[in-house]
Amino acid sequence: MDFIRQVLDRVGDKWSLLVIAVLDTGSLRYTDLLRQVPGISQRMLTLTLRQLQQDGLISRTAYAEVPPRVEYALTSLGQGLHEIVSSLIGWAAEHHDEIRAHHARTAIAP
């Protein structure tokens, strides 16, 4: 059970989900990821990419060019997870107004 919890903690955090969602369009460079994942810092993007690569969900390809070019892409394992991530994002988009309404009704006045 501990291993399952660890995997869910890793792939279920918001940054991992957003990076996986963005990489569905194909390989992206670091700066493109930084631009397309709203609110993520450089440090957090670097950590997230390392973790996703370590888990086998993304690949990192470095090209011997000047200046150096590095691209990140989903692996087949990551593509399988992307299907789940897409469903979750779709659900959140479909129900966000309803959830906001619940928050507003249950908010405790100071």
Protein backbone atom coordinates (compact mmCIF):
# COMPACT_ATOMS: atom_id res chain seq x y z
CA MET A 1 0.00 0.00 0.00
CA ASP A 2 2.85 2.42 0.72
CA PHE A 3 4.15 2.16 -2.83
CA ILE A 4 0.71 2.89 -4.30
CA ARG A 5 0.37 5.93 -2.04
CA GLN A 6 3.81 7.14 -3.12
CA VAL A 7 2.94 6.77 -6.81
CA LEU A 8 -0.37 8.59 -6.34
CA ASP A 9 1.34 11.36 -4.37
CA ARG A 10 3.87 11.79 -7.15
CA VAL A 11 1.61 11.71 -10.19
CA GLY A 12 -1.34 13.33 -8.44
CA ASP A 13 0.27 16.64 -7.57
CA LYS A 14 -0.90 19.63 -9.57
CA TRP A 15 2.39 20.32 -11.31
CA SER A 16 2.82 16.75 -12.55
CA LEU A 17 -0.74 16.70 -13.86
CA LEU A 18 -0.29 19.99 -15.69
CA VAL A 19 3.07 19.01 -17.21
CA ILE A 20 1.63 15.70 -18.42
CA ALA A 21 -1.37 17.53 -19.90
CA VAL A 22 0.83 20.04 -21.74
CA LEU A 23 3.18 17.38 -23.14
CA ASP A 24 0.30 15.72 -24.98
CA THR A 25 0.92 18.08 -27.90
CA GLY A 26 4.38 16.55 -28.42
CA SER A 27 7.95 17.24 -27.39
CA LEU A 28 8.59 20.58 -25.75
CA ARG A 29 11.64 22.46 -24.61
CA TYR A 30 12.05 23.61 -21.02
CA THR A 31 11.21 27.25 -21.79
CA ASP A 32 8.07 26.20 -23.68
CA LEU A 33 6.95 24.14 -20.68
CA LEU A 34 7.64 27.06 -18.37
CA ARG A 35 5.43 29.27 -20.53
CA GLN A 36 2.62 26.75 -20.91
CA VAL A 37 2.28 25.65 -17.28
CA PRO A 38 0.75 28.66 -15.55
CA GLY A 39 2.22 29.64 -12.19
CA ILE A 40 5.05 27.10 -12.07
CA SER A 41 8.46 28.35 -10.97
CA GLN A 42 11.70 27.30 -12.66
CA ARG A 43 12.70 25.35 -9.56
CA MET A 44 9.40 23.49 -9.36
CA LEU A 45 9.41 22.71 -13.09
CA THR A 46 12.93 21.30 -12.81
CA LEU A 47 11.97 19.13 -9.82
CA THR A 48 8.77 17.95 -11.49
CA LEU A 49 10.54 17.04 -14.73
CA ARG A 50 13.19 15.08 -12.81
CA GLN A 51 10.56 13.15 -10.87
CA LEU A 52 8.47 12.38 -13.95
CA GLN A 53 11.58 11.21 -15.80
CA GLN A 54 12.66 9.08 -12.83
CA ASP A 55 9.20 7.45 -12.82
CA GLY A 56 9.45 6.72 -16.56
CA LEU A 57 6.55 9.01 -17.48
CA ILE A 58 8.56 11.42 -19.61
CA SER A 59 11.74 11.22 -21.62
CA ARG A 60 14.48 13.82 -21.80
CA THR A 61 16.44 14.14 -25.03
CA ALA A 62 19.53 16.35 -25.13
CA TYR A 63 20.83 17.40 -28.54
CA ALA A 64 24.52 18.20 -29.04
CA GLU A 65 23.96 21.65 -30.52
CA VAL A 66 25.10 25.16 -29.76
CA PRO A 67 23.23 26.38 -27.84
CA PRO A 68 22.29 23.06 -26.23
CA ARG A 69 18.72 21.91 -26.84
CA VAL A 70 16.77 19.61 -24.51
CA GLU A 71 13.29 18.32 -25.22
CA TYR A 72 10.83 16.51 -23.00
CA ALA A 73 8.13 14.12 -24.22
CA LEU A 74 5.66 11.63 -22.81
CA THR A 75 6.74 8.00 -22.81
CA SER A 76 4.20 5.27 -23.55
CA LEU A 77 3.68 4.97 -19.79
CA GLY A 78 3.10 8.72 -19.59
CA GLN A 79 0.66 8.61 -22.50
CA GLY A 80 -1.40 6.05 -20.62
CA LEU A 81 -1.50 8.37 -17.62
CA HIS A 82 -2.39 11.28 -19.89
CA GLU A 83 -5.71 9.63 -20.73
CA ILE A 84 -6.59 9.66 -17.03
CA VAL A 85 -5.29 13.21 -16.59
CA SER A 86 -7.42 14.41 -19.52
CA SER A 87 -10.53 12.90 -17.94
CA LEU A 88 -9.73 14.57 -14.62
CA ILE A 89 -9.11 17.96 -16.26
CA GLY A 90 -12.34 17.62 -18.23
CA TRP A 91 -14.27 16.83 -15.06
CA ALA A 92 -12.74 19.83 -13.27
CA ALA A 93 -13.57 22.14 -16.17
CA GLU A 94 -17.13 20.83 -16.34
CA HIS A 95 -17.82 21.20 -12.61
CA HIS A 96 -15.75 24.19 -11.50
CA ASP A 97 -18.75 26.56 -11.38
CA GLU A 98 -20.68 24.08 -9.24
CA ILE A 99 -17.73 23.65 -6.88
CA ARG A 100 -17.29 27.43 -6.57
CA ALA A 101 -20.97 27.77 -5.73
CA HIS A 102 -20.59 25.18 -2.95
CA HIS A 103 -17.58 27.05 -1.59
CA ALA A 104 -19.52 30.30 -1.58
CA ARG A 105 -22.47 28.73 0.26
CA THR A 106 -20.33 27.08 2.89
CA ALA A 107 -17.87 29.91 3.45
CA ILE A 108 -17.78 30.96 7.07
CA ALA A 109 -18.23 34.68 7.56
CA PRO A 110 -15.69 36.34 9.89
